[in-house]
Amino acid sequence: MMRPSNQNLEVYLHRNPIDFRKGINGLAVLVEQALELNPFSEQLFVFCNRRRDRIKILYWETNGFCLWQKRLEQDRFHWPRTRQEPVVTLSIQQLNWLLDGYDITQLKPHAKRTFSTVL
């Protein structure tokens, strides 16, 4: 399992949905232009698609970008929408709760899903 564990990392959540065809370069440009942040810093930048069933996390690691993605099979991520600013700051714990399916404003998780095949 690959999850962020460094408690000192800053996490920036892009509030608005993005076009999920964007790869590393497109997301890095979005970080610079829309969020007005440095994509080469040791921070995590989190993006969601319009259906809120996929998350991408972009981060710089020493000498290159890494891109992590999670896709939900039936549920939706509880994306913070109440704030007006284009970027929301989270703790690593809050990010992990979000990835686990919790609504971080209410701490209510998704139901656990089990599957026997991908077909």
PDB file of N, CA and C in Angstrom:
ATOM      1  N   MET A   1       0.852  -1.177   0.000  1.00  0.00           N
ATOM      2  CA  MET A   1       0.000   0.000   0.000  1.00  0.00           C
ATOM      3  C   MET A   1       0.894   1.235   0.000  1.00  0.00           C
ATOM      4  N   MET A   2       0.546   2.184  -0.841  1.00  0.00           N
ATOM      5  CA  MET A   2       1.309   3.427  -0.912  1.00  0.00           C
ATOM      6  C   MET A   2       0.453   4.560  -0.366  1.00  0.00           C
ATOM      7  N   ARG A   3       0.809   5.025   0.800  1.00  0.00           N
ATOM      8  CA  ARG A   3       0.087   6.121   1.439  1.00  0.00           C
ATOM      9  C   ARG A   3       1.089   7.101   2.003  1.00  0.00           C
ATOM     10  N   PRO A   4       0.774   8.391   1.966  1.00  0.00           N
ATOM     11  CA  PRO A   4       1.666   9.364   2.598  1.00  0.00           C
ATOM     12  C   PRO A   4       1.703   9.162   4.107  1.00  0.00           C
ATOM     13  N   SER A   5       2.904   9.173   4.654  1.00  0.00           N
ATOM     14  CA  SER A   5       3.037   8.965   6.093  1.00  0.00           C
ATOM     15  C   SER A   5       3.828  10.074   6.779  1.00  0.00           C
ATOM     16  N   ASN A   6       4.552  10.877   6.011  1.00  0.00           N
ATOM     17  CA  ASN A   6       5.343  11.953   6.591  1.00  0.00           C
ATOM     18  C   ASN A   6       4.406  13.044   7.110  1.00  0.00           C
ATOM     19  N   GLN A   7       4.301  13.169   8.410  1.00  0.00           N
ATOM     20  CA  GLN A   7       3.374  14.121   9.022  1.00  0.00           C
ATOM     21  C   GLN A   7       3.757  15.585   8.778  1.00  0.00           C
ATOM     22  N   ASN A   8       4.976  15.822   8.295  1.00  0.00           N
ATOM     23  CA  ASN A   8       5.427  17.195   8.071  1.00  0.00           C
ATOM     24  C   ASN A   8       5.084  17.720   6.680  1.00  0.00           C
ATOM     25  N   LEU A   9       4.569  16.867   5.808  1.00  0.00           N
ATOM     26  CA  LEU A   9       4.209  17.295   4.462  1.00  0.00           C
ATOM     27  C   LEU A   9       2.961  18.163   4.490  1.00  0.00           C
ATOM     28  N   GLU A  10       2.947  19.147   3.615  1.00  0.00           N
ATOM     29  CA  GLU A  10       1.752  19.957   3.447  1.00  0.00           C
ATOM     30  C   GLU A  10       0.942  19.352   2.307  1.00  0.00           C
ATOM     31  N   VAL A  11      -0.370  19.360   2.457  1.00  0.00           N
ATOM     32  CA  VAL A  11      -1.263  18.785   1.456  1.00  0.00           C
ATOM     33  C   VAL A  11      -2.183  19.894   0.965  1.00  0.00           C
ATOM     34  N   TYR A  12      -2.205  20.082  -0.348  1.00  0.00           N
ATOM     35  CA  TYR A  12      -3.075  21.086  -0.962  1.00  0.00           C
ATOM     36  C   TYR A  12      -4.080  20.387  -1.860  1.00  0.00           C
ATOM     37  N   LEU A  13      -5.334  20.610  -1.580  1.00  0.00           N
ATOM     38  CA  LEU A  13      -6.427  19.993  -2.306  1.00  0.00           C
ATOM     39  C   LEU A  13      -7.007  21.029  -3.265  1.00  0.00           C
ATOM     40  N   HIS A  14      -6.977  20.731  -4.545  1.00  0.00           N
ATOM     41  CA  HIS A  14      -7.603  21.615  -5.539  1.00  0.00           C
ATOM     42  C   HIS A  14      -9.102  21.400  -5.437  1.00  0.00           C
ATOM     43  N   ARG A  15      -9.832  22.432  -5.097  1.00  0.00           N
ATOM     44  CA  ARG A  15     -11.262  22.299  -4.777  1.00  0.00           C
ATOM     45  C   ARG A  15     -12.121  21.954  -5.993  1.00  0.00           C
ATOM     46  N   ASN A  16     -11.819  22.530  -7.146  1.00  0.00           N
ATOM     47  CA  ASN A  16     -12.636  22.308  -8.335  1.00  0.00           C
ATOM     48  C   ASN A  16     -12.207  21.034  -9.066  1.00  0.00           C
ATOM     49  N   PRO A  17     -13.150  20.338  -9.705  1.00  0.00           N
ATOM     50  CA  PRO A  17     -12.782  19.134 -10.459  1.00  0.00           C
ATOM     51  C   PRO A  17     -11.906  19.483 -11.658  1.00  0.00           C
ATOM     52  N   ILE A  18     -11.089  18.513 -12.074  1.00  0.00           N
ATOM     53  CA  ILE A  18     -10.196  18.731 -13.214  1.00  0.00           C
ATOM     54  C   ILE A  18     -10.492  17.704 -14.302  1.00  0.00           C
ATOM     55  N   ASP A  19      -9.974  17.963 -15.492  1.00  0.00           N
ATOM     56  CA  ASP A  19     -10.007  17.025 -16.603  1.00  0.00           C
ATOM     57  C   ASP A  19      -8.992  15.934 -16.287  1.00  0.00           C
ATOM     58  N   PHE A  20      -9.427  14.706 -16.107  1.00  0.00           N
ATOM     59  CA  PHE A  20      -8.543  13.641 -15.653  1.00  0.00           C
ATOM     60  C   PHE A  20      -7.642  13.094 -16.748  1.00  0.00           C
ATOM     61  N   ARG A  21      -7.722  13.663 -17.942  1.00  0.00           N
ATOM     62  CA  ARG A  21      -6.754  13.311 -18.983  1.00  0.00           C
ATOM     63  C   ARG A  21      -5.423  13.991 -18.734  1.00  0.00           C
ATOM     64  N   LYS A  22      -5.411  14.984 -17.837  1.00  0.00           N
ATOM     65  CA  LYS A  22      -4.165  15.675 -17.504  1.00  0.00           C
ATOM     66  C   LYS A  22      -3.188  14.706 -16.850  1.00  0.00           C
ATOM     67  N   GLY A  23      -1.958  14.790 -17.290  1.00  0.00           N
ATOM     68  CA  GLY A  23      -0.894  13.994 -16.697  1.00  0.00           C
ATOM     69  C   GLY A  23      -0.013  14.872 -15.822  1.00  0.00           C
ATOM     70  N   ILE A  24       1.201  14.443 -15.632  1.00  0.00           N
ATOM     71  CA  ILE A  24       2.132  15.147 -14.750  1.00  0.00           C
ATOM     72  C   ILE A  24       2.347  16.584 -15.200  1.00  0.00           C
ATOM     73  N   ASN A  25       2.643  16.795 -16.475  1.00  0.00           N
ATOM     74  CA  ASN A  25       2.927  18.154 -16.949  1.00  0.00           C
ATOM     75  C   ASN A  25       1.726  19.079 -16.792  1.00  0.00           C
ATOM     76  N   GLY A  26       0.539  18.597 -17.178  1.00  0.00           N
ATOM     77  CA  GLY A  26      -0.663  19.420 -17.066  1.00  0.00           C
ATOM     78  C   GLY A  26      -0.998  19.756 -15.623  1.00  0.00           C
ATOM     79  N   LEU A  27      -0.818  18.803 -14.719  1.00  0.00           N
ATOM     80  CA  LEU A  27      -1.093  19.053 -13.308  1.00  0.00           C
ATOM     81  C   LEU A  27      -0.057  19.997 -12.704  1.00  0.00           C
ATOM     82  N   ALA A  28       1.209  19.865 -13.098  1.00  0.00           N
ATOM     83  CA  ALA A  28       2.250  20.764 -12.592  1.00  0.00           C
ATOM     84  C   ALA A  28       1.967  22.203 -13.025  1.00  0.00           C
ATOM     85  N   VAL A  29       1.514  22.384 -14.253  1.00  0.00           N
ATOM     86  CA  VAL A  29       1.142  23.723 -14.731  1.00  0.00           C
ATOM     87  C   VAL A  29      -0.049  24.248 -13.941  1.00  0.00           C
ATOM     88  N   LEU A  30      -1.016  23.399 -13.660  1.00  0.00           N
ATOM     89  CA  LEU A  30      -2.188  23.788 -12.867  1.00  0.00           C
ATOM     90  C   LEU A  30      -1.776  24.236 -11.462  1.00  0.00           C
ATOM     91  N   VAL A  31      -0.817  23.533 -10.868  1.00  0.00           N
ATOM     92  CA  VAL A  31      -0.312  23.914  -9.541  1.00  0.00           C
ATOM     93  C   VAL A  31       0.296  25.313  -9.607  1.00  0.00           C
ATOM     94  N   GLU A  32       1.111  25.557 -10.634  1.00  0.00           N
ATOM     95  CA  GLU A  32       1.760  26.869 -10.765  1.00  0.00           C
ATOM     96  C   GLU A  32       0.771  27.982 -11.059  1.00  0.00           C
ATOM     97  N   GLN A  33      -0.129  27.759 -12.009  1.00  0.00           N
ATOM     98  CA  GLN A  33      -0.993  28.839 -12.477  1.00  0.00           C
ATOM     99  C   GLN A  33      -2.262  29.013 -11.652  1.00  0.00           C
ATOM    100  N   ALA A  34      -2.996  27.947 -11.405  1.00  0.00           N
ATOM    101  CA  ALA A  34      -4.272  28.064 -10.701  1.00  0.00           C
ATOM    102  C   ALA A  34      -4.099  28.161  -9.190  1.00  0.00           C
ATOM    103  N   LEU A  35      -3.184  27.349  -8.648  1.00  0.00           N
ATOM    104  CA  LEU A  35      -2.989  27.351  -7.201  1.00  0.00           C
ATOM    105  C   LEU A  35      -1.935  28.346  -6.751  1.00  0.00           C
ATOM    106  N   GLU A  36      -1.131  28.816  -7.720  1.00  0.00           N
ATOM    107  CA  GLU A  36      -0.034  29.753  -7.447  1.00  0.00           C
ATOM    108  C   GLU A  36       0.919  29.197  -6.391  1.00  0.00           C
ATOM    109  N   LEU A  37       1.256  27.908  -6.558  1.00  0.00           N
ATOM    110  CA  LEU A  37       2.187  27.221  -5.663  1.00  0.00           C
ATOM    111  C   LEU A  37       3.324  26.631  -6.484  1.00  0.00           C
ATOM    112  N   ASN A  38       4.380  26.220  -5.809  1.00  0.00           N
ATOM    113  CA  ASN A  38       5.554  25.666  -6.464  1.00  0.00           C
ATOM    114  C   ASN A  38       5.421  24.137  -6.551  1.00  0.00           C
ATOM    115  N   PRO A  39       5.257  23.574  -7.764  1.00  0.00           N
ATOM    116  CA  PRO A  39       5.101  22.129  -7.876  1.00  0.00           C
ATOM    117  C   PRO A  39       6.372  21.355  -7.522  1.00  0.00           C
ATOM    118  N   PHE A  40       7.530  22.035  -7.440  1.00  0.00           N
ATOM    119  CA  PHE A  40       8.797  21.386  -7.109  1.00  0.00           C
ATOM    120  C   PHE A  40       9.066  21.352  -5.605  1.00  0.00           C
ATOM    121  N   SER A  41       8.134  21.859  -4.818  1.00  0.00           N
ATOM    122  CA  SER A  41       8.291  21.831  -3.368  1.00  0.00           C
ATOM    123  C   SER A  41       7.893  20.456  -2.842  1.00  0.00           C
ATOM    124  N   GLU A  42       8.282  20.155  -1.628  1.00  0.00           N
ATOM    125  CA  GLU A  42       7.932  18.870  -1.026  1.00  0.00           C
ATOM    126  C   GLU A  42       6.545  18.966  -0.405  1.00  0.00           C
ATOM    127  N   GLN A  43       5.559  18.971  -1.282  1.00  0.00           N
ATOM    128  CA  GLN A  43       4.164  19.071  -0.880  1.00  0.00           C
ATOM    129  C   GLN A  43       3.353  18.119  -1.746  1.00  0.00           C
ATOM    130  N   LEU A  44       2.171  17.768  -1.298  1.00  0.00           N
ATOM    131  CA  LEU A  44       1.270  16.924  -2.072  1.00  0.00           C
ATOM    132  C   LEU A  44       0.156  17.793  -2.642  1.00  0.00           C
ATOM    133  N   PHE A  45      -0.150  17.588  -3.910  1.00  0.00           N
ATOM    134  CA  PHE A  45      -1.214  18.329  -4.588  1.00  0.00           C
ATOM    135  C   PHE A  45      -2.268  17.315  -5.027  1.00  0.00           C
ATOM    136  N   VAL A  46      -3.482  17.486  -4.521  1.00  0.00           N
ATOM    137  CA  VAL A  46      -4.533  16.488  -4.688  1.00  0.00           C
ATOM    138  C   VAL A  46      -5.628  17.038  -5.592  1.00  0.00           C
ATOM    139  N   PHE A  47      -6.038  16.213  -6.568  1.00  0.00           N
ATOM    140  CA  PHE A  47      -7.034  16.608  -7.560  1.00  0.00           C
ATOM    141  C   PHE A  47      -8.107  15.531  -7.654  1.00  0.00           C
ATOM    142  N   CYS A  48      -9.312  15.948  -8.039  1.00  0.00           N
ATOM    143  CA  CYS A  48     -10.432  15.017  -8.169  1.00  0.00           C
ATOM    144  C   CYS A  48     -11.115  15.263  -9.515  1.00  0.00           C
ATOM    145  N   ASN A  49     -11.750  14.217 -10.057  1.00  0.00           N
ATOM    146  CA  ASN A  49     -12.505  14.386 -11.293  1.00  0.00           C
ATOM    147  C   ASN A  49     -13.926  14.856 -10.980  1.00  0.00           C
ATOM    148  N   ARG A  50     -14.677  15.150 -12.023  1.00  0.00           N
ATOM    149  CA  ARG A  50     -16.025  15.699 -11.854  1.00  0.00           C
ATOM    150  C   ARG A  50     -16.966  14.718 -11.141  1.00  0.00           C
ATOM    151  N   ARG A  51     -16.840  13.434 -11.413  1.00  0.00           N
ATOM    152  CA  ARG A  51     -17.713  12.431 -10.772  1.00  0.00           C
ATOM    153  C   ARG A  51     -17.280  12.118  -9.351  1.00  0.00           C
ATOM    154  N   ARG A  52     -16.105  12.594  -8.944  1.00  0.00           N
ATOM    155  CA  ARG A  52     -15.551  12.389  -7.606  1.00  0.00           C
ATOM    156  C   ARG A  52     -15.345  10.910  -7.281  1.00  0.00           C
ATOM    157  N   ASP A  53     -15.026  10.119  -8.308  1.00  0.00           N
ATOM    158  CA  ASP A  53     -14.710   8.716  -8.056  1.00  0.00           C
ATOM    159  C   ASP A  53     -13.228   8.426  -8.296  1.00  0.00           C
ATOM    160  N   ARG A  54     -12.448   9.466  -8.605  1.00  0.00           N
ATOM    161  CA  ARG A  54     -11.009   9.307  -8.831  1.00  0.00           C
ATOM    162  C   ARG A  54     -10.246  10.470  -8.218  1.00  0.00           C
ATOM    163  N   ILE A  55      -9.088  10.135  -7.701  1.00  0.00           N
ATOM    164  CA  ILE A  55      -8.189  11.138  -7.118  1.00  0.00           C
ATOM    165  C   ILE A  55      -6.806  10.947  -7.722  1.00  0.00           C
ATOM    166  N   LYS A  56      -6.144  12.061  -8.001  1.00  0.00           N
ATOM    167  CA  LYS A  56      -4.736  12.042  -8.400  1.00  0.00           C
ATOM    168  C   LYS A  56      -3.960  12.878  -7.400  1.00  0.00           C
ATOM    169  N   ILE A  57      -2.770  12.395  -7.035  1.00  0.00           N
ATOM    170  CA  ILE A  57      -1.887  13.133  -6.137  1.00  0.00           C
ATOM    171  C   ILE A  57      -0.559  13.322  -6.856  1.00  0.00           C
ATOM    172  N   LEU A  58      -0.164  14.567  -7.023  1.00  0.00           N
ATOM    173  CA  LEU A  58       1.102  14.912  -7.669  1.00  0.00           C
ATOM    174  C   LEU A  58       2.078  15.360  -6.598  1.00  0.00           C
ATOM    175  N   TYR A  59       3.325  14.885  -6.692  1.00  0.00           N
ATOM    176  CA  TYR A  59       4.352  15.363  -5.772  1.00  0.00           C
ATOM    177  C   TYR A  59       5.728  15.232  -6.402  1.00  0.00           C
ATOM    178  N   TRP A  60       6.621  16.078  -5.955  1.00  0.00           N
ATOM    179  CA  TRP A  60       8.010  16.090  -6.399  1.00  0.00           C
ATOM    180  C   TRP A  60       8.821  15.289  -5.396  1.00  0.00           C
ATOM    181  N   GLU A  61       9.616  14.340  -5.903  1.00  0.00           N
ATOM    182  CA  GLU A  61      10.443  13.519  -5.035  1.00  0.00           C
ATOM    183  C   GLU A  61      11.893  13.594  -5.514  1.00  0.00           C
ATOM    184  N   THR A  62      12.686  14.416  -4.885  1.00  0.00           N
ATOM    185  CA  THR A  62      14.123  14.578  -5.097  1.00  0.00           C
ATOM    186  C   THR A  62      14.516  14.965  -6.519  1.00  0.00           C
ATOM    187  N   ASN A  63      14.211  14.124  -7.503  1.00  0.00           N
ATOM    188  CA  ASN A  63      14.685  14.400  -8.855  1.00  0.00           C
ATOM    189  C   ASN A  63      13.630  14.157  -9.932  1.00  0.00           C
ATOM    190  N   GLY A  64      12.378  14.068  -9.535  1.00  0.00           N
ATOM    191  CA  GLY A  64      11.320  13.869 -10.516  1.00  0.00           C
ATOM    192  C   GLY A  64       9.946  13.862  -9.888  1.00  0.00           C
ATOM    193  N   PHE A  65       8.950  14.016 -10.754  1.00  0.00           N
ATOM    194  CA  PHE A  65       7.563  14.020 -10.298  1.00  0.00           C
ATOM    195  C   PHE A  65       7.051  12.596 -10.139  1.00  0.00           C
ATOM    196  N   CYS A  66       6.146  12.417  -9.191  1.00  0.00           N
ATOM    197  CA  CYS A  66       5.415  11.169  -8.999  1.00  0.00           C
ATOM    198  C   CYS A  66       3.934  11.492  -9.106  1.00  0.00           C
ATOM    199  N   LEU A  67       3.183  10.565  -9.668  1.00  0.00           N
ATOM    200  CA  LEU A  67       1.742  10.733  -9.795  1.00  0.00           C
ATOM    201  C   LEU A  67       1.072   9.471  -9.285  1.00  0.00           C
ATOM    202  N   TRP A  68       0.195   9.637  -8.309  1.00  0.00           N
ATOM    203  CA  TRP A  68      -0.507   8.531  -7.670  1.00  0.00           C
ATOM    204  C   TRP A  68      -1.982   8.704  -7.967  1.00  0.00           C
ATOM    205  N   GLN A  69      -2.684   7.615  -8.236  1.00  0.00           N
ATOM    206  CA  GLN A  69      -4.104   7.702  -8.555  1.00  0.00           C
ATOM    207  C   GLN A  69      -4.880   6.618  -7.818  1.00  0.00           C
ATOM    208  N   LYS A  70      -6.094   6.963  -7.385  1.00  0.00           N
ATOM    209  CA  LYS A  70      -7.006   5.989  -6.790  1.00  0.00           C
ATOM    210  C   LYS A  70      -8.357   6.127  -7.476  1.00  0.00           C
ATOM    211  N   ARG A  71      -8.962   4.971  -7.804  1.00  0.00           N
ATOM    212  CA  ARG A  71     -10.279   4.929  -8.431  1.00  0.00           C
ATOM    213  C   ARG A  71     -11.221   4.147  -7.527  1.00  0.00           C
ATOM    214  N   LEU A  72     -12.367   4.731  -7.211  1.00  0.00           N
ATOM    215  CA  LEU A  72     -13.390   4.032  -6.436  1.00  0.00           C
ATOM    216  C   LEU A  72     -14.308   3.275  -7.394  1.00  0.00           C
ATOM    217  N   GLU A  73     -14.715   2.092  -7.000  1.00  0.00           N
ATOM    218  CA  GLU A  73     -15.543   1.258  -7.862  1.00  0.00           C
ATOM    219  C   GLU A  73     -17.030   1.607  -7.770  1.00  0.00           C
ATOM    220  N   GLN A  74     -17.517   1.997  -6.593  1.00  0.00           N
ATOM    221  CA  GLN A  74     -18.941   2.291  -6.470  1.00  0.00           C
ATOM    222  C   GLN A  74     -19.225   3.600  -5.754  1.00  0.00           C
ATOM    223  N   ASP A  75     -18.375   4.025  -4.888  1.00  0.00           N
ATOM    224  CA  ASP A  75     -18.639   5.204  -4.064  1.00  0.00           C
ATOM    225  C   ASP A  75     -18.082   6.467  -4.700  1.00  0.00           C
ATOM    226  N   ARG A  76     -18.213   7.557  -3.987  1.00  0.00           N
ATOM    227  CA  ARG A  76     -17.687   8.855  -4.396  1.00  0.00           C
ATOM    228  C   ARG A  76     -16.872   9.424  -3.242  1.00  0.00           C
ATOM    229  N   PHE A  77     -15.836  10.174  -3.574  1.00  0.00           N
ATOM    230  CA  PHE A  77     -15.073  10.863  -2.536  1.00  0.00           C
ATOM    231  C   PHE A  77     -15.904  12.033  -2.026  1.00  0.00           C
ATOM    232  N   HIS A  78     -15.825  12.273  -0.736  1.00  0.00           N
ATOM    233  CA  HIS A  78     -16.513  13.407  -0.123  1.00  0.00           C
ATOM    234  C   HIS A  78     -15.592  14.610  -0.238  1.00  0.00           C
ATOM    235  N   TRP A  79     -15.755  15.361  -1.312  1.00  0.00           N
ATOM    236  CA  TRP A  79     -14.858  16.467  -1.621  1.00  0.00           C
ATOM    237  C   TRP A  79     -15.318  17.727  -0.924  1.00  0.00           C
ATOM    238  N   PRO A  80     -14.444  18.397  -0.179  1.00  0.00           N
ATOM    239  CA  PRO A  80     -14.839  19.643   0.505  1.00  0.00           C
ATOM    240  C   PRO A  80     -15.278  20.703  -0.503  1.00  0.00           C
ATOM    241  N   ARG A  81     -16.493  21.169  -0.374  1.00  0.00           N
ATOM    242  CA  ARG A  81     -17.022  22.161  -1.308  1.00  0.00           C
ATOM    243  C   ARG A  81     -17.501  23.433  -0.614  1.00  0.00           C
ATOM    244  N   THR A  82     -17.446  23.467   0.685  1.00  0.00           N
ATOM    245  CA  THR A  82     -18.033  24.597   1.403  1.00  0.00           C
ATOM    246  C   THR A  82     -17.148  25.832   1.390  1.00  0.00           C
ATOM    247  N   ARG A  83     -15.876  25.650   1.189  1.00  0.00           N
ATOM    248  CA  ARG A  83     -14.965  26.797   1.194  1.00  0.00           C
ATOM    249  C   ARG A  83     -14.923  27.445  -0.181  1.00  0.00           C
ATOM    250  N   GLN A  84     -14.626  28.722  -0.215  1.00  0.00           N
ATOM    251  CA  GLN A  84     -14.626  29.457  -1.474  1.00  0.00           C
ATOM    252  C   GLN A  84     -13.254  29.542  -2.134  1.00  0.00           C
ATOM    253  N   GLU A  85     -12.186  29.347  -1.358  1.00  0.00           N
ATOM    254  CA  GLU A  85     -10.850  29.451  -1.942  1.00  0.00           C
ATOM    255  C   GLU A  85     -10.591  28.281  -2.893  1.00  0.00           C
ATOM    256  N   PRO A  86      -9.759  28.492  -3.947  1.00  0.00           N
ATOM    257  CA  PRO A  86      -9.525  27.430  -4.929  1.00  0.00           C
ATOM    258  C   PRO A  86      -8.701  26.263  -4.401  1.00  0.00           C
ATOM    259  N   VAL A  87      -8.000  26.452  -3.285  1.00  0.00           N
ATOM    260  CA  VAL A  87      -7.183  25.377  -2.722  1.00  0.00           C
ATOM    261  C   VAL A  87      -7.506  25.237  -1.240  1.00  0.00           C
ATOM    262  N   VAL A  88      -7.578  23.987  -0.793  1.00  0.00           N
ATOM    263  CA  VAL A  88      -7.856  23.682   0.614  1.00  0.00           C
ATOM    264  C   VAL A  88      -6.623  22.998   1.184  1.00  0.00           C
ATOM    265  N   THR A  89      -6.207  23.382   2.370  1.00  0.00           N
ATOM    266  CA  THR A  89      -5.054  22.767   3.023  1.00  0.00           C
ATOM    267  C   THR A  89      -5.539  21.681   3.971  1.00  0.00           C
ATOM    268  N   LEU A  90      -4.917  20.497   3.857  1.00  0.00           N
ATOM    269  CA  LEU A  90      -5.251  19.364   4.712  1.00  0.00           C
ATOM    270  C   LEU A  90      -4.018  18.870   5.440  1.00  0.00           C
ATOM    271  N   SER A  91      -4.231  18.149   6.517  1.00  0.00           N
ATOM    272  CA  SER A  91      -3.137  17.430   7.171  1.00  0.00           C
ATOM    273  C   SER A  91      -3.005  16.067   6.488  1.00  0.00           C
ATOM    274  N   ILE A  92      -1.904  15.384   6.734  1.00  0.00           N
ATOM    275  CA  ILE A  92      -1.722  14.032   6.200  1.00  0.00           C
ATOM    276  C   ILE A  92      -2.830  13.114   6.727  1.00  0.00           C
ATOM    277  N   GLN A  93      -3.189  13.255   7.994  1.00  0.00           N
ATOM    278  CA  GLN A  93      -4.254  12.439   8.573  1.00  0.00           C
ATOM    279  C   GLN A  93      -5.575  12.670   7.845  1.00  0.00           C
ATOM    280  N   GLN A  94      -5.904  13.926   7.569  1.00  0.00           N
ATOM    281  CA  GLN A  94      -7.141  14.232   6.855  1.00  0.00           C
ATOM    282  C   GLN A  94      -7.119  13.661   5.439  1.00  0.00           C
ATOM    283  N   LEU A  95      -5.955  13.733   4.772  1.00  0.00           N
ATOM    284  CA  LEU A  95      -5.835  13.154   3.439  1.00  0.00           C
ATOM    285  C   LEU A  95      -6.077  11.644   3.495  1.00  0.00           C
ATOM    286  N   ASN A  96      -5.486  10.973   4.448  1.00  0.00           N
ATOM    287  CA  ASN A  96      -5.692   9.528   4.573  1.00  0.00           C
ATOM    288  C   ASN A  96      -7.147   9.198   4.894  1.00  0.00           C
ATOM    289  N   TRP A  97      -7.801  10.013   5.697  1.00  0.00           N
ATOM    290  CA  TRP A  97      -9.233   9.814   5.944  1.00  0.00           C
ATOM    291  C   TRP A  97     -10.020   9.961   4.643  1.00  0.00           C
ATOM    292  N   LEU A  98      -9.687  10.988   3.861  1.00  0.00           N
ATOM    293  CA  LEU A  98     -10.355  11.213   2.587  1.00  0.00           C
ATOM    294  C   LEU A  98     -10.164  10.004   1.670  1.00  0.00           C
ATOM    295  N   LEU A  99      -8.929   9.481   1.594  1.00  0.00           N
ATOM    296  CA  LEU A  99      -8.644   8.310   0.765  1.00  0.00           C
ATOM    297  C   LEU A  99      -9.371   7.063   1.263  1.00  0.00           C
ATOM    298  N   ASP A 100      -9.611   6.994   2.565  1.00  0.00           N
ATOM    299  CA  ASP A 100     -10.347   5.866   3.140  1.00  0.00           C
ATOM    300  C   ASP A 100     -11.852   5.994   2.948  1.00  0.00           C
ATOM    301  N   GLY A 101     -12.309   7.124   2.447  1.00  0.00           N
ATOM    302  CA  GLY A 101     -13.725   7.304   2.188  1.00  0.00           C
ATOM    303  C   GLY A 101     -14.460   8.132   3.208  1.00  0.00           C
ATOM    304  N   TYR A 102     -13.742   8.725   4.130  1.00  0.00           N
ATOM    305  CA  TYR A 102     -14.405   9.542   5.145  1.00  0.00           C
ATOM    306  C   TYR A 102     -14.788  10.905   4.588  1.00  0.00           C
ATOM    307  N   ASP A 103     -15.920  11.386   5.018  1.00  0.00           N
ATOM    308  CA  ASP A 103     -16.263  12.789   4.832  1.00  0.00           C
ATOM    309  C   ASP A 103     -15.511  13.517   5.937  1.00  0.00           C
ATOM    310  N   ILE A 104     -14.456  14.239   5.590  1.00  0.00           N
ATOM    311  CA  ILE A 104     -13.588  14.816   6.625  1.00  0.00           C
ATOM    312  C   ILE A 104     -14.275  15.898   7.443  1.00  0.00           C
ATOM    313  N   THR A 105     -15.432  16.360   6.988  1.00  0.00           N
ATOM    314  CA  THR A 105     -16.169  17.324   7.803  1.00  0.00           C
ATOM    315  C   THR A 105     -17.058  16.621   8.827  1.00  0.00           C
ATOM    316  N   GLN A 106     -17.405  15.338   8.570  1.00  0.00           N
ATOM    317  CA  GLN A 106     -18.290  14.608   9.481  1.00  0.00           C
ATOM    318  C   GLN A 106     -17.670  13.320  10.016  1.00  0.00           C
ATOM    319  N   LEU A 107     -16.520  12.920   9.469  1.00  0.00           N
ATOM    320  CA  LEU A 107     -15.833  11.673   9.841  1.00  0.00           C
ATOM    321  C   LEU A 107     -16.738  10.453   9.703  1.00  0.00           C
ATOM    322  N   LYS A 108     -17.452  10.391   8.570  1.00  0.00           N
ATOM    323  CA  LYS A 108     -18.324   9.259   8.278  1.00  0.00           C
ATOM    324  C   LYS A 108     -17.738   8.526   7.070  1.00  0.00           C
ATOM    325  N   PRO A 109     -17.373   7.217   7.191  1.00  0.00           N
ATOM    326  CA  PRO A 109     -16.702   6.506   6.099  1.00  0.00           C
ATOM    327  C   PRO A 109     -17.656   5.883   5.085  1.00  0.00           C
ATOM    328  N   HIS A 110     -17.086   5.464   3.944  1.00  0.00           N
ATOM    329  CA  HIS A 110     -17.807   4.626   2.989  1.00  0.00           C
ATOM    330  C   HIS A 110     -17.974   3.240   3.594  1.00  0.00           C
ATOM    331  N   ALA A 111     -18.896   2.482   3.056  1.00  0.00           N
ATOM    332  CA  ALA A 111     -19.022   1.072   3.436  1.00  0.00           C
ATOM    333  C   ALA A 111     -17.860   0.307   2.809  1.00  0.00           C
ATOM    334  N   LYS A 112     -17.368  -0.717   3.477  1.00  0.00           N
ATOM    335  CA  LYS A 112     -16.279  -1.530   2.945  1.00  0.00           C
ATOM    336  C   LYS A 112     -16.820  -2.382   1.805  1.00  0.00           C
ATOM    337  N   ARG A 113     -16.082  -2.416   0.672  1.00  0.00           N
ATOM    338  CA  ARG A 113     -16.506  -3.160  -0.523  1.00  0.00           C
ATOM    339  C   ARG A 113     -15.576  -4.353  -0.727  1.00  0.00           C
ATOM    340  N   THR A 114     -16.140  -5.477  -1.152  1.00  0.00           N
ATOM    341  CA  THR A 114     -15.347  -6.639  -1.518  1.00  0.00           C
ATOM    342  C   THR A 114     -15.783  -7.121  -2.882  1.00  0.00           C
ATOM    343  N   PHE A 115     -14.813  -7.496  -3.705  1.00  0.00           N
ATOM    344  CA  PHE A 115     -15.080  -7.972  -5.062  1.00  0.00           C
ATOM    345  C   PHE A 115     -14.306  -9.260  -5.268  1.00  0.00           C
ATOM    346  N   SER A 116     -14.807 -10.120  -6.161  1.00  0.00           N
ATOM    347  CA  SER A 116     -14.107 -11.382  -6.430  1.00  0.00           C
ATOM    348  C   SER A 116     -13.443 -11.396  -7.788  1.00  0.00           C
ATOM    349  N   THR A 117     -13.808 -10.464  -8.690  1.00  0.00           N
ATOM    350  CA  THR A 117     -13.207 -10.409 -10.014  1.00  0.00           C
ATOM    351  C   THR A 117     -13.325  -8.996 -10.571  1.00  0.00           C
ATOM    352  N   VAL A 118     -12.452  -8.672 -11.526  1.00  0.00           N
ATOM    353  CA  VAL A 118     -12.516  -7.352 -12.161  1.00  0.00           C
ATOM    354  C   VAL A 118     -13.387  -7.385 -13.418  1.00  0.00           C
ATOM    355  N   LEU A 119     -13.828  -8.566 -13.825  1.00  0.00           N
ATOM    356  CA  LEU A 119     -14.659  -8.709 -15.027  1.00  0.00           C
ATOM    357  C   LEU A 119     -16.109  -8.518 -14.748  1.00  0.00           C
TER     358      LEU A 119
END
